[in-house]
């Protein structure tokens, strides 16, 4: 534990902050987390980063999806996953597995230069906009 007195000697203690708490923005997903009661002043902001209308699907991606005889899969490991930290063999293992699927795969991976024309059934996107319902 980091001693508050050493690094933030003038800071208000956490216990005092919690005692004066009147509201909070929370990021809670009932599907993944245990249900629990929250005060009315706790506001769930889950999905606030999503656009109401991200715009049309780019033509190249739409053509890739529509040309998929067996459908398409969107594969992402979340925003906290940093593919640049993976060894190249592990990244290649993903693509090797995807190549064995009958579906085409759209993979979100934020690593420049990861696009490989040898992967016919997989396309890599640096980002993918999400849409709220």
N, C-alpha and C. Protein backbone atom coordinates (compact mmCIF):
# COMPACT_ATOMS: atom_id res chain seq x y z
N UNK A 1 0.85 -1.18 0.00
CA UNK A 1 0.00 0.00 0.00
C UNK A 1 0.89 1.24 0.00
N UNK A 2 0.52 2.21 -0.81
CA UNK A 2 1.31 3.44 -0.91
C UNK A 2 0.87 4.38 0.21
N UNK A 3 1.80 4.82 1.03
CA UNK A 3 1.43 5.71 2.13
C UNK A 3 1.02 7.10 1.61
N UNK A 4 -0.21 7.49 1.93
CA UNK A 4 -0.74 8.78 1.48
C UNK A 4 0.09 9.93 2.05
N UNK A 5 0.53 9.77 3.27
CA UNK A 5 1.28 10.84 3.92
C UNK A 5 2.58 11.17 3.19
N UNK A 6 3.17 10.16 2.55
CA UNK A 6 4.44 10.36 1.86
C UNK A 6 4.27 11.07 0.53
N UNK A 7 3.27 10.64 -0.26
CA UNK A 7 3.14 11.16 -1.62
C UNK A 7 2.08 12.25 -1.76
N UNK A 8 1.05 12.20 -0.95
CA UNK A 8 -0.01 13.20 -1.02
C UNK A 8 -0.36 13.67 0.39
N UNK A 9 0.55 14.40 1.03
CA UNK A 9 0.33 14.76 2.44
C UNK A 9 -0.89 15.65 2.66
N UNK A 10 -1.30 16.43 1.65
CA UNK A 10 -2.44 17.33 1.83
C UNK A 10 -3.75 16.73 1.33
N UNK A 11 -3.73 15.48 0.86
CA UNK A 11 -4.94 14.86 0.32
C UNK A 11 -5.91 14.48 1.43
N UNK A 12 -7.17 14.53 1.08
CA UNK A 12 -8.23 14.12 2.01
C UNK A 12 -8.21 12.60 2.09
N UNK A 13 -8.35 12.02 3.27
CA UNK A 13 -8.37 10.56 3.38
C UNK A 13 -9.55 9.95 2.60
N UNK A 14 -9.34 8.76 2.07
CA UNK A 14 -10.36 8.06 1.29
C UNK A 14 -11.63 7.87 2.12
N UNK A 15 -11.48 7.53 3.38
CA UNK A 15 -12.65 7.31 4.24
C UNK A 15 -13.52 8.57 4.31
N UNK A 16 -12.89 9.73 4.32
CA UNK A 16 -13.64 10.99 4.36
C UNK A 16 -14.33 11.23 3.02
N UNK A 17 -13.66 10.91 1.91
CA UNK A 17 -14.28 11.06 0.59
C UNK A 17 -15.51 10.16 0.47
N UNK A 18 -15.38 8.91 0.90
CA UNK A 18 -16.50 7.98 0.81
C UNK A 18 -17.66 8.40 1.70
N UNK A 19 -17.36 8.98 2.84
CA UNK A 19 -18.42 9.43 3.74
C UNK A 19 -19.22 10.57 3.14
N UNK A 20 -18.62 11.35 2.24
CA UNK A 20 -19.28 12.49 1.62
C UNK A 20 -19.75 12.21 0.20
N UNK A 21 -19.71 10.96 -0.22
CA UNK A 21 -20.08 10.58 -1.57
C UNK A 21 -21.58 10.71 -1.77
N UNK A 22 -21.98 11.49 -2.78
CA UNK A 22 -23.42 11.64 -3.03
C UNK A 22 -23.83 10.99 -4.35
N UNK A 23 -22.90 10.63 -5.18
CA UNK A 23 -23.22 9.99 -6.45
C UNK A 23 -21.97 9.44 -7.10
N UNK A 24 -22.19 8.59 -8.09
CA UNK A 24 -21.03 7.99 -8.74
C UNK A 24 -21.43 7.53 -10.14
N UNK A 25 -20.51 7.66 -11.08
CA UNK A 25 -20.68 7.09 -12.41
C UNK A 25 -20.03 5.72 -12.38
N UNK A 26 -20.79 4.69 -12.73
CA UNK A 26 -20.26 3.33 -12.70
C UNK A 26 -20.36 2.70 -14.09
N UNK A 27 -19.49 1.74 -14.35
CA UNK A 27 -19.49 1.00 -15.60
C UNK A 27 -19.77 -0.45 -15.23
N UNK A 28 -21.06 -0.79 -15.14
CA UNK A 28 -21.47 -2.09 -14.63
C UNK A 28 -22.28 -2.82 -15.69
N UNK A 29 -21.94 -4.06 -15.97
CA UNK A 29 -22.66 -4.87 -16.94
C UNK A 29 -23.31 -6.03 -16.19
N UNK A 30 -24.63 -6.06 -16.17
CA UNK A 30 -25.35 -7.09 -15.43
C UNK A 30 -25.10 -8.50 -15.97
N UNK A 31 -24.69 -8.61 -17.21
CA UNK A 31 -24.43 -9.92 -17.80
C UNK A 31 -23.15 -10.53 -17.22
N UNK A 32 -22.12 -9.74 -17.03
CA UNK A 32 -20.81 -10.25 -16.62
C UNK A 32 -20.56 -10.16 -15.13
N UNK A 33 -21.32 -9.34 -14.42
CA UNK A 33 -21.05 -9.11 -13.01
C UNK A 33 -22.25 -9.52 -12.17
N UNK A 34 -22.01 -9.70 -10.88
CA UNK A 34 -23.09 -10.05 -9.96
C UNK A 34 -24.05 -8.87 -9.84
N UNK A 35 -25.32 -9.19 -9.74
CA UNK A 35 -26.33 -8.15 -9.54
C UNK A 35 -26.21 -7.64 -8.11
N UNK A 36 -26.30 -6.36 -7.97
CA UNK A 36 -26.23 -5.76 -6.64
C UNK A 36 -27.02 -4.46 -6.65
N UNK A 37 -27.58 -4.11 -5.53
CA UNK A 37 -28.35 -2.87 -5.49
C UNK A 37 -27.42 -1.66 -5.46
N UNK A 38 -27.83 -0.62 -6.12
CA UNK A 38 -27.09 0.64 -6.11
C UNK A 38 -28.02 1.76 -5.70
N UNK A 39 -27.48 2.77 -5.03
CA UNK A 39 -28.31 3.94 -4.71
C UNK A 39 -28.77 4.62 -6.00
N UNK A 40 -29.83 5.38 -5.92
CA UNK A 40 -30.37 6.07 -7.10
C UNK A 40 -29.38 7.07 -7.68
N UNK A 41 -28.44 7.50 -6.88
CA UNK A 41 -27.47 8.50 -7.35
C UNK A 41 -26.28 7.87 -8.07
N UNK A 42 -26.25 6.54 -8.18
CA UNK A 42 -25.22 5.86 -8.94
C UNK A 42 -25.74 5.69 -10.36
N UNK A 43 -25.06 6.25 -11.32
CA UNK A 43 -25.51 6.25 -12.71
C UNK A 43 -24.64 5.31 -13.52
N UNK A 44 -25.27 4.33 -14.18
CA UNK A 44 -24.54 3.39 -15.00
C UNK A 44 -24.23 4.05 -16.35
N UNK A 45 -22.96 4.13 -16.70
CA UNK A 45 -22.54 4.76 -17.95
C UNK A 45 -22.03 3.72 -18.96
N UNK A 46 -22.44 2.47 -18.76
CA UNK A 46 -22.00 1.40 -19.65
C UNK A 46 -22.34 1.75 -21.09
N UNK A 47 -21.36 1.69 -21.96
CA UNK A 47 -21.58 1.94 -23.38
C UNK A 47 -21.59 3.39 -23.77
N UNK A 48 -21.21 4.29 -22.88
CA UNK A 48 -21.27 5.72 -23.23
C UNK A 48 -20.27 6.08 -24.32
N UNK A 49 -19.30 5.22 -24.57
CA UNK A 49 -18.31 5.49 -25.61
C UNK A 49 -18.82 5.08 -26.99
N UNK A 50 -19.98 4.43 -27.05
CA UNK A 50 -20.51 3.96 -28.33
C UNK A 50 -21.31 5.06 -29.01
N UNK A 51 -21.19 5.10 -30.33
CA UNK A 51 -21.92 6.09 -31.12
C UNK A 51 -23.33 5.59 -31.40
N UNK A 52 -24.29 6.50 -31.43
CA UNK A 52 -25.65 6.14 -31.82
C UNK A 52 -25.67 5.71 -33.28
N UNK A 53 -24.92 6.40 -34.11
CA UNK A 53 -24.86 6.04 -35.52
C UNK A 53 -23.40 6.12 -35.98
N UNK A 54 -22.71 4.98 -36.03
CA UNK A 54 -21.30 5.02 -36.44
C UNK A 54 -21.11 5.23 -37.94
N UNK A 55 -22.22 5.32 -38.68
CA UNK A 55 -22.13 5.52 -40.12
C UNK A 55 -22.18 4.18 -40.83
N UNK A 56 -22.13 4.23 -42.15
CA UNK A 56 -22.22 2.98 -42.91
C UNK A 56 -20.95 2.15 -42.79
N UNK A 57 -21.11 0.86 -43.01
CA UNK A 57 -19.96 -0.04 -43.02
C UNK A 57 -19.13 0.30 -44.26
N UNK A 58 -17.81 0.43 -44.13
CA UNK A 58 -16.99 0.71 -45.31
C UNK A 58 -17.20 -0.35 -46.39
N UNK A 59 -17.17 0.10 -47.65
CA UNK A 59 -17.47 -0.79 -48.77
C UNK A 59 -16.60 -2.03 -48.83
N UNK A 60 -15.31 -1.90 -48.53
CA UNK A 60 -14.43 -3.07 -48.61
C UNK A 60 -14.81 -4.12 -47.55
N UNK A 61 -15.19 -3.67 -46.35
CA UNK A 61 -15.61 -4.60 -45.31
C UNK A 61 -16.97 -5.20 -45.65
N UNK A 62 -17.89 -4.37 -46.16
CA UNK A 62 -19.20 -4.87 -46.55
C UNK A 62 -19.08 -5.93 -47.65
N UNK A 63 -18.23 -5.68 -48.63
CA UNK A 63 -17.99 -6.65 -49.72
C UNK A 63 -17.40 -7.95 -49.15
N UNK A 64 -16.48 -7.83 -48.20
CA UNK A 64 -15.87 -9.00 -47.54
C UNK A 64 -16.94 -9.83 -46.83
N UNK A 65 -17.87 -9.17 -46.12
CA UNK A 65 -18.92 -9.86 -45.38
C UNK A 65 -19.93 -10.49 -46.34
N UNK A 66 -20.37 -9.71 -47.31
CA UNK A 66 -21.39 -10.22 -48.24
C UNK A 66 -20.87 -11.35 -49.12
N UNK A 67 -19.57 -11.41 -49.33
CA UNK A 67 -18.98 -12.47 -50.12
C UNK A 67 -18.69 -13.74 -49.34
N UNK A 68 -19.05 -13.74 -48.05
CA UNK A 68 -18.77 -14.90 -47.20
C UNK A 68 -19.89 -15.93 -47.36
N UNK A 69 -19.58 -17.04 -47.97
CA UNK A 69 -20.58 -18.08 -48.21
C UNK A 69 -21.13 -18.66 -46.91
N UNK A 70 -20.27 -18.79 -45.88
CA UNK A 70 -20.68 -19.40 -44.62
C UNK A 70 -20.82 -18.38 -43.49
N UNK A 71 -20.89 -17.11 -43.82
CA UNK A 71 -21.03 -16.08 -42.80
C UNK A 71 -19.69 -15.51 -42.37
N UNK A 72 -19.75 -14.59 -41.43
CA UNK A 72 -18.54 -13.91 -40.96
C UNK A 72 -18.56 -13.85 -39.43
N UNK A 73 -17.38 -13.81 -38.86
CA UNK A 73 -17.20 -13.73 -37.42
C UNK A 73 -16.40 -12.46 -37.13
N UNK A 74 -16.86 -11.68 -36.15
CA UNK A 74 -16.08 -10.54 -35.68
C UNK A 74 -15.35 -10.99 -34.43
N UNK A 75 -14.02 -10.89 -34.43
CA UNK A 75 -13.19 -11.37 -33.33
C UNK A 75 -12.41 -10.20 -32.75
N UNK A 76 -12.61 -9.94 -31.46
CA UNK A 76 -11.85 -8.90 -30.76
C UNK A 76 -11.64 -9.36 -29.33
N UNK A 77 -10.50 -9.03 -28.79
CA UNK A 77 -10.18 -9.41 -27.41
C UNK A 77 -10.30 -8.24 -26.46
N UNK A 78 -11.03 -7.20 -26.85
CA UNK A 78 -11.25 -6.06 -25.98
C UNK A 78 -10.20 -4.99 -26.13
N UNK A 79 -10.47 -3.84 -25.57
CA UNK A 79 -9.57 -2.71 -25.71
C UNK A 79 -8.34 -2.81 -24.82
N UNK A 80 -8.39 -3.63 -23.78
CA UNK A 80 -7.24 -3.76 -22.90
C UNK A 80 -6.22 -4.77 -23.42
N UNK A 81 -6.60 -5.53 -24.43
CA UNK A 81 -5.68 -6.50 -25.05
C UNK A 81 -4.71 -5.74 -25.94
N UNK A 82 -3.41 -5.94 -25.74
CA UNK A 82 -2.39 -5.25 -26.52
C UNK A 82 -1.66 -6.28 -27.38
N UNK A 83 -2.08 -6.44 -28.64
CA UNK A 83 -1.48 -7.47 -29.48
C UNK A 83 0.00 -7.23 -29.78
N UNK A 84 0.45 -5.98 -29.65
CA UNK A 84 1.86 -5.70 -29.89
C UNK A 84 2.75 -6.42 -28.89
N UNK A 85 2.19 -6.81 -27.74
CA UNK A 85 2.96 -7.52 -26.72
C UNK A 85 3.07 -9.01 -26.99
N UNK A 86 2.32 -9.51 -27.97
CA UNK A 86 2.37 -10.94 -28.28
C UNK A 86 3.54 -11.25 -29.19
N UNK A 87 4.16 -12.40 -29.00
CA UNK A 87 5.18 -12.84 -29.95
C UNK A 87 4.53 -13.11 -31.31
N UNK A 88 5.24 -12.90 -32.39
CA UNK A 88 4.67 -13.11 -33.73
C UNK A 88 4.12 -14.52 -33.95
N UNK A 89 4.69 -15.52 -33.28
CA UNK A 89 4.19 -16.89 -33.45
C UNK A 89 2.78 -17.03 -32.91
N UNK A 90 2.49 -16.33 -31.80
CA UNK A 90 1.15 -16.42 -31.23
C UNK A 90 0.13 -15.72 -32.11
N UNK A 91 0.51 -14.60 -32.69
CA UNK A 91 -0.38 -13.90 -33.62
C UNK A 91 -0.62 -14.79 -34.83
N UNK A 92 0.42 -15.44 -35.34
CA UNK A 92 0.28 -16.35 -36.48
C UNK A 92 -0.63 -17.52 -36.13
N UNK A 93 -0.62 -17.96 -34.87
CA UNK A 93 -1.49 -19.06 -34.45
C UNK A 93 -2.96 -18.67 -34.56
N UNK A 94 -3.30 -17.41 -34.24
CA UNK A 94 -4.66 -16.93 -34.43
C UNK A 94 -5.06 -17.09 -35.90
N UNK A 95 -4.19 -16.59 -36.77
CA UNK A 95 -4.52 -16.63 -38.20
C UNK A 95 -4.59 -18.06 -38.72
N UNK A 96 -3.73 -18.92 -38.21
CA UNK A 96 -3.77 -20.33 -38.61
C UNK A 96 -5.09 -20.96 -38.23
N UNK A 97 -5.59 -20.63 -37.04
CA UNK A 97 -6.88 -21.16 -36.59
C UNK A 97 -8.01 -20.59 -37.44
N UNK A 98 -7.93 -19.30 -37.74
CA UNK A 98 -8.98 -18.68 -38.55
C UNK A 98 -9.03 -19.25 -39.96
N UNK A 99 -7.89 -19.59 -40.50
CA UNK A 99 -7.84 -20.15 -41.86
C UNK A 99 -8.56 -21.49 -41.95
N UNK A 100 -8.68 -22.20 -40.83
CA UNK A 100 -9.35 -23.51 -40.84
C UNK A 100 -10.87 -23.38 -40.71
N UNK A 101 -11.37 -22.20 -40.40
CA UNK A 101 -12.81 -22.00 -40.26
C UNK A 101 -13.46 -21.80 -41.62
N UNK A 102 -14.70 -22.26 -41.79
CA UNK A 102 -15.39 -22.01 -43.05
C UNK A 102 -15.86 -20.54 -43.16
N UNK A 103 -16.01 -19.86 -42.03
CA UNK A 103 -16.44 -18.47 -42.03
C UNK A 103 -15.24 -17.55 -42.29
N UNK A 104 -15.56 -16.36 -42.78
CA UNK A 104 -14.54 -15.32 -42.86
C UNK A 104 -14.46 -14.63 -41.50
N UNK A 105 -13.29 -14.10 -41.18
CA UNK A 105 -13.08 -13.50 -39.86
C UNK A 105 -12.63 -12.06 -40.02
N UNK A 106 -13.28 -11.20 -39.27
CA UNK A 106 -12.87 -9.80 -39.15
C UNK A 106 -12.27 -9.68 -37.77
N UNK A 107 -11.00 -9.31 -37.70
CA UNK A 107 -10.29 -9.26 -36.42
C UNK A 107 -9.84 -7.84 -36.13
N UNK A 108 -10.15 -7.38 -34.90
CA UNK A 108 -9.67 -6.06 -34.49
C UNK A 108 -8.32 -6.24 -33.82
N UNK A 109 -7.31 -5.63 -34.43
CA UNK A 109 -5.96 -5.72 -33.88
C UNK A 109 -5.24 -4.41 -34.19
N UNK A 110 -4.85 -3.71 -33.15
CA UNK A 110 -4.25 -2.38 -33.29
C UNK A 110 -2.75 -2.40 -33.51
N UNK A 111 -2.28 -3.21 -34.44
CA UNK A 111 -0.84 -3.26 -34.71
C UNK A 111 -0.61 -2.91 -36.17
N UNK A 112 0.00 -1.77 -36.46
CA UNK A 112 0.28 -1.43 -37.84
C UNK A 112 1.18 -2.47 -38.49
N UNK A 113 0.93 -2.76 -39.73
CA UNK A 113 1.76 -3.72 -40.46
C UNK A 113 1.35 -5.16 -40.27
N UNK A 114 0.26 -5.42 -39.55
CA UNK A 114 -0.17 -6.80 -39.33
C UNK A 114 -0.96 -7.35 -40.51
N UNK A 115 -1.36 -6.47 -41.43
CA UNK A 115 -2.12 -6.94 -42.58
C UNK A 115 -1.24 -7.85 -43.42
N UNK A 116 -1.74 -9.03 -43.73
CA UNK A 116 -0.98 -9.99 -44.50
C UNK A 116 -1.85 -10.49 -45.65
N UNK A 117 -1.47 -10.22 -46.89
CA UNK A 117 -2.31 -10.63 -48.02
C UNK A 117 -2.43 -12.14 -48.17
N UNK A 118 -1.62 -12.92 -47.46
CA UNK A 118 -1.71 -14.37 -47.56
C UNK A 118 -2.93 -14.94 -46.84
N UNK A 119 -3.54 -14.14 -45.95
CA UNK A 119 -4.71 -14.61 -45.22
C UNK A 119 -5.96 -14.23 -46.00
N UNK A 120 -6.52 -15.17 -46.71
CA UNK A 120 -7.65 -14.92 -47.59
C UNK A 120 -8.95 -14.77 -46.82
N UNK A 121 -9.12 -15.52 -45.74
CA UNK A 121 -10.39 -15.52 -45.02
C UNK A 121 -10.39 -14.61 -43.80
N UNK A 122 -9.37 -13.80 -43.63
CA UNK A 122 -9.29 -12.94 -42.45
C UNK A 122 -8.89 -11.52 -42.87
N UNK A 123 -9.58 -10.55 -42.31
CA UNK A 123 -9.23 -9.15 -42.53
C UNK A 123 -8.97 -8.52 -41.16
N UNK A 124 -8.00 -7.63 -41.11
CA UNK A 124 -7.62 -6.99 -39.85
C UNK A 124 -8.03 -5.53 -39.88
N UNK A 125 -8.68 -5.08 -38.81
CA UNK A 125 -9.06 -3.69 -38.67
C UNK A 125 -8.32 -3.10 -37.48
N UNK A 126 -7.85 -1.85 -37.64
CA UNK A 126 -7.19 -1.20 -36.51
C UNK A 126 -8.21 -0.74 -35.49
N UNK A 127 -9.41 -0.45 -35.92
CA UNK A 127 -10.49 -0.09 -34.99
C UNK A 127 -11.80 -0.48 -35.65
N UNK A 128 -12.80 -0.65 -34.85
CA UNK A 128 -14.11 -1.02 -35.36
C UNK A 128 -15.14 -0.27 -34.56
N UNK A 129 -15.94 0.60 -35.22
CA UNK A 129 -16.94 1.36 -34.48
C UNK A 129 -18.06 0.45 -33.99
N UNK A 130 -18.53 0.74 -32.79
CA UNK A 130 -19.64 -0.01 -32.22
C UNK A 130 -20.90 0.83 -32.33
N UNK A 131 -22.03 0.19 -32.39
CA UNK A 131 -23.29 0.89 -32.48
C UNK A 131 -24.17 0.49 -31.30
N UNK A 132 -24.81 1.47 -30.71
CA UNK A 132 -25.75 1.18 -29.64
C UNK A 132 -27.10 0.83 -30.24
N UNK A 133 -27.92 0.16 -29.48
CA UNK A 133 -29.25 -0.19 -29.99
C UNK A 133 -30.28 0.81 -29.56
